[in-house]
Amino acid sequence: MSGANKGIARAEVAVRWDPSPSGSAPTDVDIVAGVYRKDDPFGAPVYVVHAGSRAPDGTITLSRESKTGQGFGFDEVMGFEFDRMSADYGRVVVGVAVQQRDGRKTLGTVVGGKVRVAEGYTQLAEETFAGVHDSTAATVAEFARDGSGAWAFAPALRGFDADPETFARVMGERPA
C-alpha cells in the first residue's frame, strides 16, 4: 500500500516471454487494459489501452513493447497512475493476448511466459501462464476502488479463447 489507507497510487504490469524456436513464426504477446466506470464495473469498458494507444488522460501507458520476446527482462511493460485517475472510474482489468497473425497460438505455446505486477519495488504478484495454457488470452490483474475510494489489487488469472480485439471487449465481464 502507498501509505495508510491510501491504496495503490501507481503500479506496473510487465510480461516476459522467450523468442519462438528457430524456424517458427515470432510470438507476439500484448498487454491490454480495460477501464470501467465506477457505476458500471462489469459493463463495456470506457476505454481500452493496448499497443499503439494510451489512456486519454495519460494515466495508463505502455512503456515497452515487443513483437518477438527478444531482449533482456520483461518485454512489455504497462504503467498505471491510479492517483491521477478520474473518480468516475472504479475498476481496471489487465490482460494479455497472443496475436494470431501466423495461425492459432495459445498461452501454452508462449515459451517462458510470465507476468509480474508491482507497486514500486514491491512485487504484488508473479504468475506463469500454466493455469490458462489452452487460452489465447487471459486476464492477469484487477484493480478496483474500495468504499473509501482507494485502489486495491487482486490477482485475476482467467483464460479466454478470443482474438485480441474480441478479448478487449469481453475481458471485464462478470465471470460466469
N, C-alpha and C. Protein backbone atom coordinates (compact mmCIF):
# COMPACT_ATOMS: atom_id res chain seq x y z
N MET A 1 0.83 -1.18 0.00
CA MET A 1 0.00 0.00 0.00
C MET A 1 0.88 1.25 0.00
N SER A 2 0.39 2.29 -0.57
CA SER A 2 1.11 3.56 -0.65
C SER A 2 0.72 4.47 0.51
N GLY A 3 1.02 4.11 1.72
CA GLY A 3 0.65 4.91 2.87
C GLY A 3 -0.63 4.40 3.50
N ALA A 4 -0.89 4.84 4.72
CA ALA A 4 -2.04 4.36 5.46
C ALA A 4 -3.35 4.69 4.74
N ASN A 5 -4.10 3.67 4.40
CA ASN A 5 -5.42 3.80 3.80
C ASN A 5 -5.47 4.57 2.49
N LYS A 6 -4.36 4.73 1.81
CA LYS A 6 -4.36 5.45 0.54
C LYS A 6 -4.48 4.51 -0.65
N GLY A 7 -4.28 3.25 -0.45
CA GLY A 7 -4.36 2.30 -1.54
C GLY A 7 -3.17 2.40 -2.47
N ILE A 8 -3.31 1.80 -3.62
CA ILE A 8 -2.24 1.78 -4.61
C ILE A 8 -2.30 3.06 -5.43
N ALA A 9 -1.22 3.81 -5.45
CA ALA A 9 -1.16 5.05 -6.21
C ALA A 9 -0.68 4.78 -7.64
N ARG A 10 0.36 3.95 -7.78
CA ARG A 10 0.94 3.64 -9.08
C ARG A 10 1.35 2.17 -9.09
N ALA A 11 1.16 1.56 -10.24
CA ALA A 11 1.51 0.14 -10.38
C ALA A 11 2.05 -0.11 -11.78
N GLU A 12 2.63 -1.28 -11.94
CA GLU A 12 3.18 -1.68 -13.23
C GLU A 12 2.85 -3.15 -13.46
N VAL A 13 2.44 -3.47 -14.67
CA VAL A 13 2.23 -4.85 -15.09
C VAL A 13 3.23 -5.11 -16.21
N ALA A 14 4.00 -6.18 -16.06
CA ALA A 14 5.05 -6.50 -17.03
C ALA A 14 4.93 -7.95 -17.47
N VAL A 15 5.16 -8.19 -18.76
CA VAL A 15 5.08 -9.53 -19.32
C VAL A 15 6.41 -9.86 -19.99
N ARG A 16 6.86 -11.09 -19.82
CA ARG A 16 8.07 -11.53 -20.49
C ARG A 16 7.80 -12.88 -21.15
N TRP A 17 8.51 -13.14 -22.22
CA TRP A 17 8.48 -14.44 -22.88
C TRP A 17 9.75 -14.59 -23.69
N ASP A 18 10.07 -15.82 -24.02
CA ASP A 18 11.26 -16.10 -24.81
C ASP A 18 10.91 -16.09 -26.29
N PRO A 19 11.87 -15.78 -27.13
CA PRO A 19 11.61 -15.83 -28.57
C PRO A 19 11.18 -17.23 -29.01
N SER A 20 10.44 -17.29 -30.10
CA SER A 20 10.00 -18.57 -30.65
C SER A 20 11.21 -19.39 -31.09
N PRO A 21 11.06 -20.71 -31.10
CA PRO A 21 12.16 -21.56 -31.57
C PRO A 21 12.55 -21.21 -33.01
N SER A 22 13.79 -21.45 -33.35
CA SER A 22 14.31 -21.17 -34.69
C SER A 22 13.43 -21.82 -35.75
N GLY A 23 13.10 -21.06 -36.77
CA GLY A 23 12.27 -21.57 -37.86
C GLY A 23 10.78 -21.38 -37.64
N SER A 24 10.39 -20.96 -36.43
CA SER A 24 8.97 -20.72 -36.12
C SER A 24 8.65 -19.24 -36.28
N ALA A 25 7.39 -18.96 -36.53
CA ALA A 25 6.95 -17.57 -36.60
C ALA A 25 7.11 -16.92 -35.22
N PRO A 26 7.43 -15.64 -35.17
CA PRO A 26 7.57 -14.96 -33.88
C PRO A 26 6.27 -14.97 -33.08
N THR A 27 6.41 -15.01 -31.77
CA THR A 27 5.26 -14.93 -30.87
C THR A 27 5.17 -13.50 -30.36
N ASP A 28 3.97 -12.92 -30.46
CA ASP A 28 3.72 -11.55 -30.02
C ASP A 28 2.63 -11.58 -28.96
N VAL A 29 2.98 -11.24 -27.74
CA VAL A 29 2.05 -11.19 -26.62
C VAL A 29 1.84 -9.72 -26.27
N ASP A 30 0.60 -9.29 -26.20
CA ASP A 30 0.29 -7.89 -25.91
C ASP A 30 -0.40 -7.74 -24.56
N ILE A 31 -0.05 -6.68 -23.84
CA ILE A 31 -0.77 -6.31 -22.63
C ILE A 31 -1.95 -5.44 -23.05
N VAL A 32 -3.10 -5.69 -22.44
CA VAL A 32 -4.33 -4.94 -22.72
C VAL A 32 -4.95 -4.54 -21.38
N ALA A 33 -5.40 -3.30 -21.27
CA ALA A 33 -6.06 -2.85 -20.05
C ALA A 33 -7.40 -2.21 -20.40
N GLY A 34 -8.43 -2.59 -19.68
CA GLY A 34 -9.75 -2.00 -19.84
C GLY A 34 -10.13 -1.22 -18.60
N VAL A 35 -10.68 -0.03 -18.80
CA VAL A 35 -11.09 0.84 -17.70
C VAL A 35 -12.62 0.89 -17.67
N TYR A 36 -13.19 0.70 -16.47
CA TYR A 36 -14.64 0.59 -16.31
C TYR A 36 -15.15 1.64 -15.34
N ARG A 37 -16.37 2.10 -15.60
CA ARG A 37 -16.99 3.12 -14.77
C ARG A 37 -17.27 2.57 -13.37
N LYS A 38 -17.20 3.45 -12.40
CA LYS A 38 -17.49 3.08 -11.01
C LYS A 38 -18.92 2.59 -10.88
N ASP A 39 -19.86 3.20 -11.63
CA ASP A 39 -21.26 2.82 -11.53
C ASP A 39 -21.65 1.67 -12.46
N ASP A 40 -20.71 1.14 -13.25
CA ASP A 40 -20.97 0.00 -14.13
C ASP A 40 -19.68 -0.81 -14.30
N PRO A 41 -19.17 -1.40 -13.20
CA PRO A 41 -17.85 -2.03 -13.23
C PRO A 41 -17.73 -3.28 -14.11
N PHE A 42 -18.87 -3.86 -14.52
CA PHE A 42 -18.81 -5.05 -15.38
C PHE A 42 -19.44 -4.79 -16.75
N GLY A 43 -19.68 -3.54 -17.06
CA GLY A 43 -20.24 -3.17 -18.35
C GLY A 43 -19.17 -3.05 -19.41
N ALA A 44 -19.48 -2.29 -20.43
CA ALA A 44 -18.50 -2.07 -21.51
C ALA A 44 -17.37 -1.17 -20.98
N PRO A 45 -16.15 -1.41 -21.43
CA PRO A 45 -15.06 -0.53 -20.98
C PRO A 45 -15.25 0.89 -21.51
N VAL A 46 -14.88 1.86 -20.69
CA VAL A 46 -14.91 3.27 -21.10
C VAL A 46 -13.84 3.46 -22.18
N TYR A 47 -12.68 2.86 -21.96
CA TYR A 47 -11.62 2.85 -22.97
C TYR A 47 -10.71 1.65 -22.71
N VAL A 48 -9.97 1.30 -23.75
CA VAL A 48 -9.04 0.18 -23.71
C VAL A 48 -7.67 0.70 -24.13
N VAL A 49 -6.64 0.28 -23.40
CA VAL A 49 -5.27 0.66 -23.71
C VAL A 49 -4.51 -0.59 -24.15
N HIS A 50 -3.78 -0.48 -25.25
CA HIS A 50 -3.02 -1.61 -25.80
C HIS A 50 -1.87 -1.04 -26.61
N ALA A 51 -1.12 -1.90 -27.28
CA ALA A 51 0.00 -1.43 -28.11
C ALA A 51 -0.49 -0.37 -29.09
N GLY A 52 0.22 0.72 -29.15
CA GLY A 52 -0.16 1.79 -30.08
C GLY A 52 -1.19 2.75 -29.53
N SER A 53 -1.57 2.61 -28.25
CA SER A 53 -2.54 3.53 -27.66
C SER A 53 -2.14 3.83 -26.23
N ARG A 54 -2.82 4.80 -25.65
CA ARG A 54 -2.64 5.11 -24.24
C ARG A 54 -3.94 5.68 -23.72
N ALA A 55 -4.05 5.81 -22.42
CA ALA A 55 -5.26 6.38 -21.84
C ALA A 55 -5.42 7.83 -22.28
N PRO A 56 -6.65 8.28 -22.56
CA PRO A 56 -6.86 9.66 -22.98
C PRO A 56 -6.29 10.68 -21.99
N ASP A 57 -6.30 10.35 -20.70
CA ASP A 57 -5.79 11.26 -19.68
C ASP A 57 -4.33 10.98 -19.32
N GLY A 58 -3.70 10.03 -20.00
CA GLY A 58 -2.29 9.72 -19.77
C GLY A 58 -2.00 8.91 -18.52
N THR A 59 -3.03 8.36 -17.87
CA THR A 59 -2.82 7.61 -16.63
C THR A 59 -2.41 6.16 -16.85
N ILE A 60 -2.54 5.65 -18.08
CA ILE A 60 -2.09 4.29 -18.40
C ILE A 60 -1.25 4.39 -19.66
N THR A 61 -0.02 3.91 -19.58
CA THR A 61 0.87 3.98 -20.74
C THR A 61 1.64 2.68 -20.90
N LEU A 62 1.89 2.34 -22.14
CA LEU A 62 2.73 1.19 -22.47
C LEU A 62 4.12 1.73 -22.73
N SER A 63 5.05 1.41 -21.83
CA SER A 63 6.39 1.99 -21.95
C SER A 63 7.37 1.07 -22.66
N ARG A 64 7.02 -0.17 -22.82
CA ARG A 64 7.89 -1.09 -23.54
C ARG A 64 7.00 -2.08 -24.28
N GLU A 65 7.34 -2.33 -25.55
CA GLU A 65 6.57 -3.28 -26.35
C GLU A 65 7.50 -4.11 -27.21
N SER A 66 7.19 -5.40 -27.30
CA SER A 66 7.96 -6.32 -28.13
C SER A 66 7.02 -7.11 -29.01
N LYS A 67 7.45 -7.43 -30.18
CA LYS A 67 6.67 -8.29 -31.08
C LYS A 67 7.28 -9.68 -31.19
N THR A 68 8.41 -9.90 -30.47
CA THR A 68 9.13 -11.18 -30.62
C THR A 68 9.56 -11.83 -29.31
N GLY A 69 9.60 -11.08 -28.21
CA GLY A 69 10.12 -11.62 -26.96
C GLY A 69 11.63 -11.54 -26.86
N GLN A 70 12.27 -10.92 -27.83
CA GLN A 70 13.73 -10.79 -27.80
C GLN A 70 14.12 -9.66 -26.86
N GLY A 71 15.23 -9.86 -26.19
CA GLY A 71 15.74 -8.84 -25.28
C GLY A 71 15.85 -9.40 -23.88
N PHE A 72 16.32 -8.55 -22.98
CA PHE A 72 16.52 -8.96 -21.60
C PHE A 72 15.36 -8.49 -20.73
N GLY A 73 15.03 -9.26 -19.73
CA GLY A 73 13.99 -8.85 -18.78
C GLY A 73 12.59 -8.94 -19.35
N PHE A 74 11.78 -8.00 -18.94
CA PHE A 74 10.38 -8.01 -19.34
C PHE A 74 10.23 -7.31 -20.69
N ASP A 75 9.40 -7.91 -21.55
CA ASP A 75 9.28 -7.47 -22.94
C ASP A 75 8.21 -6.40 -23.15
N GLU A 76 7.16 -6.45 -22.36
CA GLU A 76 6.11 -5.43 -22.43
C GLU A 76 5.85 -4.94 -21.01
N VAL A 77 5.74 -3.63 -20.86
CA VAL A 77 5.53 -3.03 -19.54
C VAL A 77 4.47 -1.94 -19.67
N MET A 78 3.45 -2.03 -18.81
CA MET A 78 2.38 -1.03 -18.80
C MET A 78 2.33 -0.41 -17.41
N GLY A 79 2.32 0.93 -17.37
CA GLY A 79 2.26 1.65 -16.10
C GLY A 79 0.90 2.24 -15.85
N PHE A 80 0.52 2.30 -14.58
CA PHE A 80 -0.79 2.79 -14.16
C PHE A 80 -0.61 3.86 -13.09
N GLU A 81 -1.23 5.01 -13.28
CA GLU A 81 -1.20 6.10 -12.30
C GLU A 81 -2.60 6.26 -11.72
N PHE A 82 -2.92 5.42 -10.75
CA PHE A 82 -4.25 5.43 -10.16
C PHE A 82 -4.51 6.71 -9.38
N ASP A 83 -3.48 7.32 -8.84
CA ASP A 83 -3.65 8.55 -8.07
C ASP A 83 -4.10 9.73 -8.93
N ARG A 84 -4.00 9.60 -10.24
CA ARG A 84 -4.44 10.66 -11.16
C ARG A 84 -5.72 10.29 -11.90
N MET A 85 -6.22 9.09 -11.72
CA MET A 85 -7.38 8.60 -12.47
C MET A 85 -8.67 9.24 -11.95
N SER A 86 -9.56 9.54 -12.86
CA SER A 86 -10.84 10.16 -12.52
C SER A 86 -11.62 9.32 -11.51
N ALA A 87 -12.31 10.00 -10.61
CA ALA A 87 -13.16 9.34 -9.62
C ALA A 87 -14.33 8.62 -10.28
N ASP A 88 -14.61 8.89 -11.56
CA ASP A 88 -15.68 8.21 -12.29
C ASP A 88 -15.34 6.75 -12.59
N TYR A 89 -14.05 6.42 -12.54
CA TYR A 89 -13.61 5.06 -12.86
C TYR A 89 -13.42 4.26 -11.58
N GLY A 90 -13.92 3.02 -11.61
CA GLY A 90 -13.86 2.20 -10.40
C GLY A 90 -13.18 0.87 -10.56
N ARG A 91 -12.81 0.51 -11.78
CA ARG A 91 -12.22 -0.81 -12.00
C ARG A 91 -11.34 -0.77 -13.24
N VAL A 92 -10.18 -1.43 -13.14
CA VAL A 92 -9.26 -1.58 -14.27
C VAL A 92 -8.89 -3.05 -14.34
N VAL A 93 -9.14 -3.67 -15.49
CA VAL A 93 -8.80 -5.08 -15.71
C VAL A 93 -7.64 -5.13 -16.69
N VAL A 94 -6.63 -5.93 -16.37
CA VAL A 94 -5.44 -6.04 -17.21
C VAL A 94 -5.31 -7.48 -17.68
N GLY A 95 -5.00 -7.63 -18.95
CA GLY A 95 -4.86 -8.97 -19.51
C GLY A 95 -3.73 -9.03 -20.52
N VAL A 96 -3.53 -10.23 -21.04
CA VAL A 96 -2.56 -10.47 -22.10
C VAL A 96 -3.27 -11.22 -23.22
N ALA A 97 -2.85 -10.95 -24.45
CA ALA A 97 -3.44 -11.63 -25.60
C ALA A 97 -2.33 -11.99 -26.58
N VAL A 98 -2.39 -13.20 -27.11
CA VAL A 98 -1.42 -13.64 -28.11
C VAL A 98 -1.95 -13.26 -29.49
N GLN A 99 -1.15 -12.52 -30.24
CA GLN A 99 -1.54 -12.17 -31.60
C GLN A 99 -1.67 -13.45 -32.42
N GLN A 100 -2.65 -13.49 -33.31
CA GLN A 100 -2.98 -14.70 -34.07
C GLN A 100 -2.64 -14.55 -35.56
N ARG A 101 -1.73 -13.66 -35.91
CA ARG A 101 -1.39 -13.42 -37.32
C ARG A 101 -0.88 -14.66 -38.05
N ASP A 102 -0.09 -15.48 -37.36
CA ASP A 102 0.56 -16.62 -38.01
C ASP A 102 -0.08 -17.95 -37.63
N GLY A 103 -1.39 -17.96 -37.42
CA GLY A 103 -2.09 -19.18 -37.03
C GLY A 103 -2.35 -19.17 -35.53
N ARG A 104 -3.19 -20.07 -35.10
CA ARG A 104 -3.62 -20.13 -33.70
C ARG A 104 -2.44 -20.44 -32.77
N LYS A 105 -2.28 -19.56 -31.79
CA LYS A 105 -1.27 -19.75 -30.75
C LYS A 105 -1.96 -19.53 -29.40
N THR A 106 -1.71 -20.43 -28.48
CA THR A 106 -2.27 -20.30 -27.14
C THR A 106 -1.18 -19.83 -26.18
N LEU A 107 -1.58 -19.47 -24.99
CA LEU A 107 -0.60 -19.07 -23.98
C LEU A 107 0.31 -20.23 -23.60
N GLY A 108 -0.15 -21.47 -23.81
CA GLY A 108 0.69 -22.64 -23.57
C GLY A 108 1.84 -22.76 -24.56
N THR A 109 1.72 -22.12 -25.72
CA THR A 109 2.80 -22.17 -26.71
C THR A 109 3.79 -21.03 -26.51
N VAL A 110 3.51 -20.12 -25.58
CA VAL A 110 4.40 -19.00 -25.29
C VAL A 110 5.53 -19.52 -24.40
N VAL A 111 6.73 -19.59 -24.96
CA VAL A 111 7.88 -20.14 -24.24
C VAL A 111 8.33 -19.16 -23.16
N GLY A 112 8.43 -19.63 -21.92
CA GLY A 112 8.93 -18.81 -20.83
C GLY A 112 8.02 -17.67 -20.42
N GLY A 113 6.73 -17.77 -20.72
CA GLY A 113 5.80 -16.68 -20.42
C GLY A 113 5.59 -16.46 -18.93
N LYS A 114 5.61 -15.19 -18.54
CA LYS A 114 5.42 -14.83 -17.13
C LYS A 114 4.91 -13.40 -17.06
N VAL A 115 4.08 -13.14 -16.06
CA VAL A 115 3.58 -11.79 -15.81
C VAL A 115 3.91 -11.40 -14.38
N ARG A 116 4.27 -10.12 -14.21
CA ARG A 116 4.60 -9.60 -12.88
C ARG A 116 3.80 -8.32 -12.65
N VAL A 117 3.22 -8.20 -11.46
CA VAL A 117 2.51 -6.99 -11.06
C VAL A 117 3.28 -6.40 -9.88
N ALA A 118 3.61 -5.11 -9.97
CA ALA A 118 4.40 -4.48 -8.92
C ALA A 118 3.87 -3.09 -8.62
N GLU A 119 4.10 -2.69 -7.38
CA GLU A 119 3.87 -1.31 -6.95
C GLU A 119 5.22 -0.80 -6.47
N GLY A 120 5.84 0.03 -7.28
CA GLY A 120 7.20 0.46 -6.96
C GLY A 120 8.12 -0.75 -6.93
N TYR A 121 8.85 -0.91 -5.83
CA TYR A 121 9.75 -2.06 -5.69
C TYR A 121 9.07 -3.27 -5.04
N THR A 122 7.79 -3.13 -4.72
CA THR A 122 7.06 -4.22 -4.08
C THR A 122 6.36 -5.06 -5.13
N GLN A 123 6.71 -6.33 -5.18
CA GLN A 123 6.05 -7.24 -6.12
C GLN A 123 4.74 -7.70 -5.51
N LEU A 124 3.64 -7.46 -6.23
CA LEU A 124 2.31 -7.86 -5.75
C LEU A 124 1.94 -9.25 -6.20
N ALA A 125 2.43 -9.65 -7.39
CA ALA A 125 2.12 -10.98 -7.92
C ALA A 125 3.09 -11.32 -9.04
N GLU A 126 3.33 -12.60 -9.21
CA GLU A 126 4.08 -13.10 -10.36
C GLU A 126 3.46 -14.45 -10.72
N GLU A 127 3.20 -14.64 -12.00
CA GLU A 127 2.45 -15.81 -12.45
C GLU A 127 2.92 -16.25 -13.83
N THR A 128 2.94 -17.56 -14.05
CA THR A 128 3.16 -18.09 -15.40
C THR A 128 1.80 -18.28 -16.04
N PHE A 129 1.80 -18.74 -17.28
CA PHE A 129 0.54 -18.97 -17.99
C PHE A 129 0.07 -20.43 -17.89
N ALA A 130 0.66 -21.20 -17.00
CA ALA A 130 0.33 -22.63 -16.88
C ALA A 130 -1.16 -22.86 -16.61
N GLY A 131 -1.78 -22.01 -15.82
CA GLY A 131 -3.19 -22.19 -15.47
C GLY A 131 -4.15 -21.84 -16.59
N VAL A 132 -3.65 -21.22 -17.65
CA VAL A 132 -4.51 -20.82 -18.77
C VAL A 132 -3.86 -21.23 -20.10
N HIS A 133 -3.15 -22.35 -20.09
CA HIS A 133 -2.34 -22.76 -21.25
C HIS A 133 -3.14 -23.00 -22.52
N ASP A 134 -4.41 -23.35 -22.44
CA ASP A 134 -5.21 -23.59 -23.64
C ASP A 134 -5.89 -22.32 -24.17
N SER A 135 -5.68 -21.21 -23.51
CA SER A 135 -6.34 -19.95 -23.87
C SER A 135 -5.47 -19.12 -24.81
N THR A 136 -6.11 -18.28 -25.61
CA THR A 136 -5.38 -17.37 -26.48
C THR A 136 -5.21 -16.00 -25.82
N ALA A 137 -5.93 -15.77 -24.72
CA ALA A 137 -5.84 -14.52 -23.97
C ALA A 137 -6.24 -14.82 -22.53
N ALA A 138 -5.84 -13.93 -21.61
CA ALA A 138 -6.20 -14.13 -20.21
C ALA A 138 -6.14 -12.81 -19.46
N THR A 139 -7.04 -12.65 -18.50
CA THR A 139 -6.88 -11.54 -17.57
C THR A 139 -5.81 -11.97 -16.58
N VAL A 140 -5.05 -10.99 -16.08
CA VAL A 140 -3.96 -11.30 -15.16
C VAL A 140 -4.01 -10.48 -13.87
N ALA A 141 -4.73 -9.36 -13.90
CA ALA A 141 -4.79 -8.49 -12.72
C ALA A 141 -6.06 -7.65 -12.77
N GLU A 142 -6.51 -7.30 -11.58
CA GLU A 142 -7.64 -6.40 -11.47
C GLU A 142 -7.36 -5.39 -10.37
N PHE A 143 -7.63 -4.14 -10.67
CA PHE A 143 -7.51 -3.07 -9.69
C PHE A 143 -8.91 -2.48 -9.54
N ALA A 144 -9.34 -2.28 -8.30
CA ALA A 144 -10.68 -1.73 -8.07
C ALA A 144 -10.65 -0.80 -6.86
N ARG A 145 -11.53 0.20 -6.91
CA ARG A 145 -11.66 1.12 -5.78
C ARG A 145 -12.48 0.45 -4.69
N ASP A 146 -12.06 0.68 -3.45
CA ASP A 146 -12.86 0.19 -2.33
C ASP A 146 -13.85 1.29 -1.91
N GLY A 147 -14.56 1.08 -0.84
CA GLY A 147 -15.57 2.03 -0.39
C GLY A 147 -15.03 3.41 -0.08
N SER A 148 -13.75 3.50 0.29
CA SER A 148 -13.14 4.79 0.61
C SER A 148 -12.58 5.49 -0.62
N GLY A 149 -12.60 4.80 -1.77
CA GLY A 149 -12.05 5.36 -3.00
C GLY A 149 -10.61 4.96 -3.27
N ALA A 150 -10.00 4.21 -2.35
CA ALA A 150 -8.62 3.75 -2.53
C ALA A 150 -8.59 2.58 -3.51
N TRP A 151 -7.52 2.51 -4.29
CA TRP A 151 -7.35 1.42 -5.25
C TRP A 151 -6.69 0.22 -4.58
N ALA A 152 -7.20 -0.99 -4.88
CA ALA A 152 -6.64 -2.23 -4.36
C ALA A 152 -6.40 -3.19 -5.53
N PHE A 153 -5.46 -4.08 -5.36
CA PHE A 153 -5.10 -5.07 -6.38
C PHE A 153 -5.66 -6.44 -6.01
N ALA A 154 -6.07 -7.20 -7.03
CA ALA A 154 -6.46 -8.59 -6.85
C ALA A 154 -5.95 -9.38 -8.06
N PRO A 155 -5.32 -10.54 -7.81
CA PRO A 155 -4.93 -11.40 -8.93
C PRO A 155 -6.19 -11.83 -9.67
N ALA A 156 -6.09 -11.99 -11.00
CA ALA A 156 -7.31 -12.30 -11.76
C ALA A 156 -7.00 -13.18 -12.96
N LEU A 157 -6.28 -14.28 -12.77
CA LEU A 157 -5.93 -15.15 -13.88
C LEU A 157 -7.17 -15.92 -14.35
N ARG A 158 -7.63 -15.56 -15.57
CA ARG A 158 -8.82 -16.19 -16.15
C ARG A 158 -8.63 -16.24 -17.65
N GLY A 159 -8.72 -17.45 -18.22
CA GLY A 159 -8.46 -17.64 -19.64
C GLY A 159 -9.66 -17.36 -20.52
N PHE A 160 -9.36 -16.96 -21.76
CA PHE A 160 -10.37 -16.68 -22.79
C PHE A 160 -9.89 -17.30 -24.10
N ASP A 161 -10.82 -17.72 -24.93
CA ASP A 161 -10.49 -18.18 -26.28
C ASP A 161 -11.03 -17.11 -27.22
N ALA A 162 -10.22 -16.06 -27.40
CA ALA A 162 -10.67 -14.92 -28.19
C ALA A 162 -9.47 -14.25 -28.85
N ASP A 163 -9.72 -13.66 -30.01
CA ASP A 163 -8.68 -12.87 -30.65
C ASP A 163 -8.51 -11.59 -29.83
N PRO A 164 -7.39 -10.86 -30.02
CA PRO A 164 -7.15 -9.68 -29.19
C PRO A 164 -8.27 -8.64 -29.23
N GLU A 165 -8.88 -8.41 -30.36
CA GLU A 165 -9.95 -7.40 -30.45
C GLU A 165 -11.17 -7.81 -29.64
N THR A 166 -11.59 -9.07 -29.78
CA THR A 166 -12.73 -9.57 -29.01
C THR A 166 -12.41 -9.59 -27.53
N PHE A 167 -11.21 -10.03 -27.18
CA PHE A 167 -10.79 -10.08 -25.79
C PHE A 167 -10.91 -8.71 -25.13
N ALA A 168 -10.50 -7.66 -25.82
CA ALA A 168 -10.57 -6.30 -25.27
C ALA A 168 -12.01 -5.92 -24.92
N ARG A 169 -12.99 -6.45 -25.65
CA ARG A 169 -14.39 -6.14 -25.38
C ARG A 169 -14.97 -6.95 -24.22
N VAL A 170 -14.50 -8.18 -24.02
CA VAL A 170 -15.15 -9.08 -23.07
C VAL A 170 -14.35 -9.34 -21.79
N MET A 171 -13.13 -8.86 -21.72
CA MET A 171 -12.25 -9.21 -20.60
C MET A 171 -12.78 -8.76 -19.24
N GLY A 172 -13.57 -7.73 -19.19
CA GLY A 172 -14.08 -7.22 -17.93
C GLY A 172 -15.45 -7.72 -17.53
N GLU A 173 -16.02 -8.61 -18.33
CA GLU A 173 -17.34 -9.14 -17.99
C GLU A 173 -17.29 -9.96 -16.72
N ARG A 174 -18.41 -9.98 -16.02
CA ARG A 174 -18.52 -10.76 -14.79
C ARG A 174 -18.32 -12.25 -15.12
N PRO A 175 -17.46 -12.96 -14.35
CA PRO A 175 -17.27 -14.39 -14.60
C PRO A 175 -18.58 -15.15 -14.45
N ALA A 176 -18.76 -16.17 -15.28
CA ALA A 176 -20.00 -16.98 -15.25
C ALA A 176 -20.11 -17.78 -13.98
